[in-house]
PDB file of N, CA and C in Angstrom:
ATOM      1  N   UNK A   1      -0.473  -1.388 -25.539  1.00  0.00           N
ATOM      2  CA  UNK A   1      -0.982  -2.276 -24.515  1.00  0.00           C
ATOM      3  C   UNK A   1       0.036  -2.356 -23.379  1.00  0.00           C
ATOM      4  N   UNK A   2      -0.475  -2.329 -22.153  1.00  0.00           N
ATOM      5  CA  UNK A   2       0.384  -2.390 -20.973  1.00  0.00           C
ATOM      6  C   UNK A   2       0.920  -3.786 -20.752  1.00  0.00           C
ATOM      7  N   UNK A   3       2.061  -3.833 -20.105  1.00  0.00           N
ATOM      8  CA  UNK A   3       2.674  -5.097 -19.726  1.00  0.00           C
ATOM      9  C   UNK A   3       1.928  -5.721 -18.546  1.00  0.00           C
ATOM     10  N   UNK A   4       1.420  -4.858 -17.648  1.00  0.00           N
ATOM     11  CA  UNK A   4       0.719  -5.305 -16.438  1.00  0.00           C
ATOM     12  C   UNK A   4      -0.533  -4.456 -16.244  1.00  0.00           C
ATOM     13  N   UNK A   5      -1.620  -5.113 -15.832  1.00  0.00           N
ATOM     14  CA  UNK A   5      -2.849  -4.405 -15.470  1.00  0.00           C
ATOM     15  C   UNK A   5      -3.117  -4.688 -13.999  1.00  0.00           C
ATOM     16  N   UNK A   6      -3.260  -3.636 -13.216  1.00  0.00           N
ATOM     17  CA  UNK A   6      -3.593  -3.762 -11.800  1.00  0.00           C
ATOM     18  C   UNK A   6      -5.046  -3.334 -11.656  1.00  0.00           C
ATOM     19  N   UNK A   7      -5.858  -4.199 -11.066  1.00  0.00           N
ATOM     20  CA  UNK A   7      -7.272  -3.910 -10.881  1.00  0.00           C
ATOM     21  C   UNK A   7      -7.503  -3.494  -9.434  1.00  0.00           C
ATOM     22  N   UNK A   8      -7.973  -2.266  -9.256  1.00  0.00           N
ATOM     23  CA  UNK A   8      -8.256  -1.744  -7.925  1.00  0.00           C
ATOM     24  C   UNK A   8      -7.286  -0.654  -7.533  1.00  0.00           C
ATOM     25  N   UNK A   9      -7.829   0.515  -7.240  1.00  0.00           N
ATOM     26  CA  UNK A   9      -7.005   1.663  -6.910  1.00  0.00           C
ATOM     27  C   UNK A   9      -6.994   2.006  -5.442  1.00  0.00           C
ATOM     28  N   UNK A  10      -7.067   0.991  -4.600  1.00  0.00           N
ATOM     29  CA  UNK A  10      -6.904   1.222  -3.168  1.00  0.00           C
ATOM     30  C   UNK A  10      -5.421   1.255  -2.830  1.00  0.00           C
ATOM     31  N   UNK A  11      -5.124   1.240  -1.560  1.00  0.00           N
ATOM     32  CA  UNK A  11      -3.731   1.296  -1.124  1.00  0.00           C
ATOM     33  C   UNK A  11      -2.920   0.168  -1.745  1.00  0.00           C
ATOM     34  N   UNK A  12      -3.434  -1.041  -1.707  1.00  0.00           N
ATOM     35  CA  UNK A  12      -2.674  -2.185  -2.234  1.00  0.00           C
ATOM     36  C   UNK A  12      -2.476  -2.078  -3.745  1.00  0.00           C
ATOM     37  N   UNK A  13      -3.535  -1.736  -4.476  1.00  0.00           N
ATOM     38  CA  UNK A  13      -3.415  -1.608  -5.923  1.00  0.00           C
ATOM     39  C   UNK A  13      -2.489  -0.481  -6.326  1.00  0.00           C
ATOM     40  N   UNK A  14      -2.629   0.676  -5.668  1.00  0.00           N
ATOM     41  CA  UNK A  14      -1.767   1.818  -5.983  1.00  0.00           C
ATOM     42  C   UNK A  14      -0.306   1.513  -5.680  1.00  0.00           C
ATOM     43  N   UNK A  15      -0.046   0.885  -4.542  1.00  0.00           N
ATOM     44  CA  UNK A  15       1.332   0.582  -4.184  1.00  0.00           C
ATOM     45  C   UNK A  15       1.927  -0.497  -5.088  1.00  0.00           C
ATOM     46  N   UNK A  16       1.095  -1.449  -5.498  1.00  0.00           N
ATOM     47  CA  UNK A  16       1.567  -2.472  -6.433  1.00  0.00           C
ATOM     48  C   UNK A  16       1.926  -1.831  -7.766  1.00  0.00           C
ATOM     49  N   UNK A  17       1.045  -0.976  -8.270  1.00  0.00           N
ATOM     50  CA  UNK A  17       1.311  -0.285  -9.539  1.00  0.00           C
ATOM     51  C   UNK A  17       2.556   0.591  -9.427  1.00  0.00           C
ATOM     52  N   UNK A  18       2.702   1.287  -8.317  1.00  0.00           N
ATOM     53  CA  UNK A  18       3.872   2.150  -8.111  1.00  0.00           C
ATOM     54  C   UNK A  18       5.157   1.333  -8.119  1.00  0.00           C
ATOM     55  N   UNK A  19       5.166   0.242  -7.376  1.00  0.00           N
ATOM     56  CA  UNK A  19       6.375  -0.586  -7.298  1.00  0.00           C
ATOM     57  C   UNK A  19       6.744  -1.165  -8.659  1.00  0.00           C
ATOM     58  N   UNK A  20       5.746  -1.590  -9.414  1.00  0.00           N
ATOM     59  CA  UNK A  20       6.011  -2.113 -10.757  1.00  0.00           C
ATOM     60  C   UNK A  20       6.589  -1.033 -11.663  1.00  0.00           C
ATOM     61  N   UNK A  21       6.061   0.189 -11.566  1.00  0.00           N
ATOM     62  CA  UNK A  21       6.590   1.316 -12.365  1.00  0.00           C
ATOM     63  C   UNK A  21       8.028   1.631 -11.978  1.00  0.00           C
ATOM     64  N   UNK A  22       8.305   1.605 -10.674  1.00  0.00           N
ATOM     65  CA  UNK A  22       9.671   1.852 -10.202  1.00  0.00           C
ATOM     66  C   UNK A  22      10.623   0.807 -10.785  1.00  0.00           C
ATOM     67  N   UNK A  23      10.120  -0.395 -10.971  1.00  0.00           N
ATOM     68  CA  UNK A  23      10.938  -1.483 -11.526  1.00  0.00           C
ATOM     69  C   UNK A  23      10.926  -1.516 -13.055  1.00  0.00           C
ATOM     70  N   UNK A  24      10.347  -0.475 -13.658  1.00  0.00           N
ATOM     71  CA  UNK A  24      10.410  -0.333 -15.105  1.00  0.00           C
ATOM     72  C   UNK A  24       9.309  -0.986 -15.910  1.00  0.00           C
ATOM     73  N   UNK A  25       8.259  -1.438 -15.267  1.00  0.00           N
ATOM     74  CA  UNK A  25       7.151  -2.068 -15.998  1.00  0.00           C
ATOM     75  C   UNK A  25       6.169  -1.011 -16.494  1.00  0.00           C
ATOM     76  N   UNK A  26       5.516  -1.320 -17.611  1.00  0.00           N
ATOM     77  CA  UNK A  26       4.451  -0.465 -18.152  1.00  0.00           C
ATOM     78  C   UNK A  26       3.151  -0.946 -17.519  1.00  0.00           C
ATOM     79  N   UNK A  27       2.517  -0.086 -16.716  1.00  0.00           N
ATOM     80  CA  UNK A  27       1.374  -0.490 -15.893  1.00  0.00           C
ATOM     81  C   UNK A  27       0.135   0.335 -16.217  1.00  0.00           C
ATOM     82  N   UNK A  28      -1.000  -0.347 -16.279  1.00  0.00           N
ATOM     83  CA  UNK A  28      -2.298   0.322 -16.343  1.00  0.00           C
ATOM     84  C   UNK A  28      -3.035  -0.014 -15.061  1.00  0.00           C
ATOM     85  N   UNK A  29      -3.573   1.005 -14.400  1.00  0.00           N
ATOM     86  CA  UNK A  29      -4.342   0.826 -13.174  1.00  0.00           C
ATOM     87  C   UNK A  29      -5.811   1.025 -13.504  1.00  0.00           C
ATOM     88  N   UNK A  30      -6.640   0.041 -13.178  1.00  0.00           N
ATOM     89  CA  UNK A  30      -8.078   0.132 -13.405  1.00  0.00           C
ATOM     90  C   UNK A  30      -8.796   0.325 -12.077  1.00  0.00           C
ATOM     91  N   UNK A  31      -9.633   1.345 -12.016  1.00  0.00           N
ATOM     92  CA  UNK A  31     -10.420   1.631 -10.818  1.00  0.00           C
ATOM     93  C   UNK A  31     -11.767   2.160 -11.275  1.00  0.00           C
ATOM     94  N   UNK A  32     -12.844   1.618 -10.747  1.00  0.00           N
ATOM     95  CA  UNK A  32     -14.187   2.033 -11.188  1.00  0.00           C
ATOM     96  C   UNK A  32     -14.610   3.377 -10.610  1.00  0.00           C
ATOM     97  N   UNK A  33     -13.953   3.796  -9.554  1.00  0.00           N
ATOM     98  CA  UNK A  33     -14.298   5.057  -8.888  1.00  0.00           C
ATOM     99  C   UNK A  33     -13.013   5.876  -8.800  1.00  0.00           C
ATOM    100  N   UNK A  34     -12.952   6.764  -7.860  1.00  0.00           N
ATOM    101  CA  UNK A  34     -11.748   7.572  -7.655  1.00  0.00           C
ATOM    102  C   UNK A  34     -10.734   6.746  -6.854  1.00  0.00           C
ATOM    103  N   UNK A  35      -9.474   6.660  -7.300  1.00  0.00           N
ATOM    104  CA  UNK A  35      -8.479   5.875  -6.556  1.00  0.00           C
ATOM    105  C   UNK A  35      -8.392   6.315  -5.093  1.00  0.00           C
ATOM    106  N   UNK A  36      -8.270   5.323  -4.215  1.00  0.00           N
ATOM    107  CA  UNK A  36      -8.109   5.579  -2.801  1.00  0.00           C
ATOM    108  C   UNK A  36      -9.354   6.014  -2.057  1.00  0.00           C
ATOM    109  N   UNK A  37     -10.536   5.819  -2.654  1.00  0.00           N
ATOM    110  CA  UNK A  37     -11.759   6.334  -2.029  1.00  0.00           C
ATOM    111  C   UNK A  37     -12.714   5.250  -1.522  1.00  0.00           C
ATOM    112  N   UNK A  38     -12.318   4.009  -1.492  1.00  0.00           N
ATOM    113  CA  UNK A  38     -13.219   2.973  -0.991  1.00  0.00           C
ATOM    114  C   UNK A  38     -12.754   2.530   0.398  1.00  0.00           C
ATOM    115  N   UNK A  39     -12.327   1.282   0.552  1.00  0.00           N
ATOM    116  CA  UNK A  39     -11.900   0.783   1.865  1.00  0.00           C
ATOM    117  C   UNK A  39     -10.699   1.561   2.384  1.00  0.00           C
ATOM    118  N   UNK A  40      -9.808   1.962   1.481  1.00  0.00           N
ATOM    119  CA  UNK A  40      -8.634   2.726   1.907  1.00  0.00           C
ATOM    120  C   UNK A  40      -9.043   4.059   2.520  1.00  0.00           C
ATOM    121  N   UNK A  41     -10.052   4.679   1.980  1.00  0.00           N
ATOM    122  CA  UNK A  41     -10.555   5.951   2.492  1.00  0.00           C
ATOM    123  C   UNK A  41     -11.215   5.741   3.852  1.00  0.00           C
ATOM    124  N   UNK A  42     -11.982   4.671   3.965  1.00  0.00           N
ATOM    125  CA  UNK A  42     -12.702   4.408   5.206  1.00  0.00           C
ATOM    126  C   UNK A  42     -11.756   4.153   6.375  1.00  0.00           C
ATOM    127  N   UNK A  43     -10.602   3.544   6.099  1.00  0.00           N
ATOM    128  CA  UNK A  43      -9.661   3.254   7.191  1.00  0.00           C
ATOM    129  C   UNK A  43      -8.784   4.448   7.525  1.00  0.00           C
ATOM    130  N   UNK A  44      -8.854   5.497   6.734  1.00  0.00           N
ATOM    131  CA  UNK A  44      -8.128   6.745   6.979  1.00  0.00           C
ATOM    132  C   UNK A  44      -6.620   6.560   7.052  1.00  0.00           C
ATOM    133  N   UNK A  45      -6.097   5.519   6.423  1.00  0.00           N
ATOM    134  CA  UNK A  45      -4.657   5.314   6.408  1.00  0.00           C
ATOM    135  C   UNK A  45      -4.064   4.977   7.764  1.00  0.00           C
ATOM    136  N   UNK A  46      -4.851   4.352   8.598  1.00  0.00           N
ATOM    137  CA  UNK A  46      -4.403   4.047   9.957  1.00  0.00           C
ATOM    138  C   UNK A  46      -3.241   3.055   9.928  1.00  0.00           C
ATOM    139  N   UNK A  47      -2.210   3.396  10.653  1.00  0.00           N
ATOM    140  CA  UNK A  47      -1.085   2.483  10.865  1.00  0.00           C
ATOM    141  C   UNK A  47      -1.057   2.190  12.353  1.00  0.00           C
ATOM    142  N   UNK A  48      -1.262   0.921  12.695  1.00  0.00           N
ATOM    143  CA  UNK A  48      -1.359   0.549  14.107  1.00  0.00           C
ATOM    144  C   UNK A  48      -0.044   0.674  14.851  1.00  0.00           C
ATOM    145  N   UNK A  49      -0.152   0.948  16.114  1.00  0.00           N
ATOM    146  CA  UNK A  49       1.014   0.995  17.000  1.00  0.00           C
ATOM    147  C   UNK A  49       1.274  -0.396  17.555  1.00  0.00           C
ATOM    148  N   UNK A  50       2.469  -0.600  18.053  1.00  0.00           N
ATOM    149  CA  UNK A  50       2.820  -1.874  18.672  1.00  0.00           C
ATOM    150  C   UNK A  50       2.059  -2.020  19.988  1.00  0.00           C
ATOM    151  N   UNK A  51       1.518  -3.204  20.195  1.00  0.00           N
ATOM    152  CA  UNK A  51       0.809  -3.511  21.433  1.00  0.00           C
ATOM    153  C   UNK A  51       1.566  -4.615  22.165  1.00  0.00           C
ATOM    154  N   UNK A  52       1.723  -4.464  23.444  1.00  0.00           N
ATOM    155  CA  UNK A  52       2.471  -5.457  24.228  1.00  0.00           C
ATOM    156  C   UNK A  52       1.796  -6.820  24.218  1.00  0.00           C
ATOM    157  N   UNK A  53       0.515  -6.861  23.992  1.00  0.00           N
ATOM    158  CA  UNK A  53      -0.196  -8.139  24.029  1.00  0.00           C
ATOM    159  C   UNK A  53       0.018  -8.972  22.759  1.00  0.00           C
ATOM    160  N   UNK A  54       0.580  -8.368  21.723  1.00  0.00           N
ATOM    161  CA  UNK A  54       0.805  -9.096  20.475  1.00  0.00           C
ATOM    162  C   UNK A  54       2.084  -9.921  20.551  1.00  0.00           C
ATOM    163  N   UNK A  55       2.091 -11.031  19.846  1.00  0.00           N
ATOM    164  CA  UNK A  55       3.289 -11.873  19.828  1.00  0.00           C
ATOM    165  C   UNK A  55       4.395 -11.190  19.034  1.00  0.00           C
ATOM    166  N   UNK A  56       5.633 -11.538  19.289  1.00  0.00           N
ATOM    167  CA  UNK A  56       6.785 -10.874  18.685  1.00  0.00           C
ATOM    168  C   UNK A  56       6.757 -10.781  17.158  1.00  0.00           C
ATOM    169  N   UNK A  57       6.388 -11.823  16.418  1.00  0.00           N
ATOM    170  CA  UNK A  57       6.370 -11.678  14.953  1.00  0.00           C
ATOM    171  C   UNK A  57       5.401 -10.591  14.482  1.00  0.00           C
ATOM    172  N   UNK A  58       4.283 -10.448  15.174  1.00  0.00           N
ATOM    173  CA  UNK A  58       3.315  -9.420  14.801  1.00  0.00           C
ATOM    174  C   UNK A  58       3.891  -8.042  15.103  1.00  0.00           C
ATOM    175  N   UNK A  59       4.544  -7.890  16.249  1.00  0.00           N
ATOM    176  CA  UNK A  59       5.165  -6.618  16.589  1.00  0.00           C
ATOM    177  C   UNK A  59       6.228  -6.251  15.563  1.00  0.00           C
ATOM    178  N   UNK A  60       7.006  -7.223  15.126  1.00  0.00           N
ATOM    179  CA  UNK A  60       8.036  -6.975  14.109  1.00  0.00           C
ATOM    180  C   UNK A  60       7.407  -6.499  12.810  1.00  0.00           C
ATOM    181  N   UNK A  61       6.308  -7.112  12.415  1.00  0.00           N
ATOM    182  CA  UNK A  61       5.618  -6.728  11.194  1.00  0.00           C
ATOM    183  C   UNK A  61       5.086  -5.294  11.302  1.00  0.00           C
ATOM    184  N   UNK A  62       4.519  -4.943  12.443  1.00  0.00           N
ATOM    185  CA  UNK A  62       4.000  -3.588  12.651  1.00  0.00           C
ATOM    186  C   UNK A  62       5.134  -2.568  12.579  1.00  0.00           C
ATOM    187  N   UNK A  63       6.241  -2.843  13.264  1.00  0.00           N
ATOM    188  CA  UNK A  63       7.383  -1.921  13.248  1.00  0.00           C
ATOM    189  C   UNK A  63       7.949  -1.776  11.840  1.00  0.00           C
ATOM    190  N   UNK A  64       8.068  -2.894  11.125  1.00  0.00           N
ATOM    191  CA  UNK A  64       8.593  -2.853   9.764  1.00  0.00           C
ATOM    192  C   UNK A  64       7.683  -2.034   8.857  1.00  0.00           C
ATOM    193  N   UNK A  65       6.370  -2.215   8.990  1.00  0.00           N
ATOM    194  CA  UNK A  65       5.424  -1.441   8.189  1.00  0.00           C
ATOM    195  C   UNK A  65       5.514   0.046   8.470  1.00  0.00           C
ATOM    196  N   UNK A  66       5.654   0.404   9.738  1.00  0.00           N
ATOM    197  CA  UNK A  66       5.775   1.817  10.099  1.00  0.00           C
ATOM    198  C   UNK A  66       7.064   2.405   9.535  1.00  0.00           C
ATOM    199  N   UNK A  67       8.154   1.649   9.598  1.00  0.00           N
ATOM    200  CA  UNK A  67       9.431   2.109   9.047  1.00  0.00           C
ATOM    201  C   UNK A  67       9.322   2.309   7.541  1.00  0.00           C
ATOM    202  N   UNK A  68       8.727   1.341   6.865  1.00  0.00           N
ATOM    203  CA  UNK A  68       8.580   1.447   5.413  1.00  0.00           C
ATOM    204  C   UNK A  68       7.680   2.623   5.043  1.00  0.00           C
ATOM    205  N   UNK A  69       6.646   2.888   5.840  1.00  0.00           N
ATOM    206  CA  UNK A  69       5.760   4.007   5.557  1.00  0.00           C
ATOM    207  C   UNK A  69       6.518   5.323   5.644  1.00  0.00           C
ATOM    208  N   UNK A  70       7.366   5.462   6.645  1.00  0.00           N
ATOM    209  CA  UNK A  70       8.155   6.694   6.779  1.00  0.00           C
ATOM    210  C   UNK A  70       9.041   6.900   5.551  1.00  0.00           C
ATOM    211  N   UNK A  71       9.676   5.855   5.073  1.00  0.00           N
ATOM    212  CA  UNK A  71      10.511   5.948   3.870  1.00  0.00           C
ATOM    213  C   UNK A  71       9.675   6.297   2.646  1.00  0.00           C
ATOM    214  N   UNK A  72       8.506   5.671   2.536  1.00  0.00           N
ATOM    215  CA  UNK A  72       7.621   5.943   1.407  1.00  0.00           C
ATOM    216  C   UNK A  72       7.172   7.410   1.415  1.00  0.00           C
ATOM    217  N   UNK A  73       6.800   7.901   2.586  1.00  0.00           N
ATOM    218  CA  UNK A  73       6.355   9.289   2.693  1.00  0.00           C
ATOM    219  C   UNK A  73       7.466  10.254   2.268  1.00  0.00           C
ATOM    220  N   UNK A  74       8.702   9.935   2.608  1.00  0.00           N
ATOM    221  CA  UNK A  74       9.833  10.774   2.197  1.00  0.00           C
ATOM    222  C   UNK A  74       9.995  10.782   0.679  1.00  0.00           C
ATOM    223  N   UNK A  75       9.797   9.601   0.052  1.00  0.00           N
ATOM    224  CA  UNK A  75       9.921   9.510  -1.407  1.00  0.00           C
ATOM    225  C   UNK A  75       8.851  10.346  -2.075  1.00  0.00           C
TER     226      UNK A  75
END
């Protein structure tokens, strides 16, 4: 029996399961269809660019997400 069960194999579920595995947890991922093929597939993995009209905290979040994505892709 797994220590953790993650329900949903979209981007959030897959990344949660991955992070838990990296931290040494025994994880089971449950997905009724093919992982990454529902809402995550429809959005095509879009990462938004910074927009000048957004307030500074939002811009910081966008930049941080883009930076983390680059590191993740390298891993």
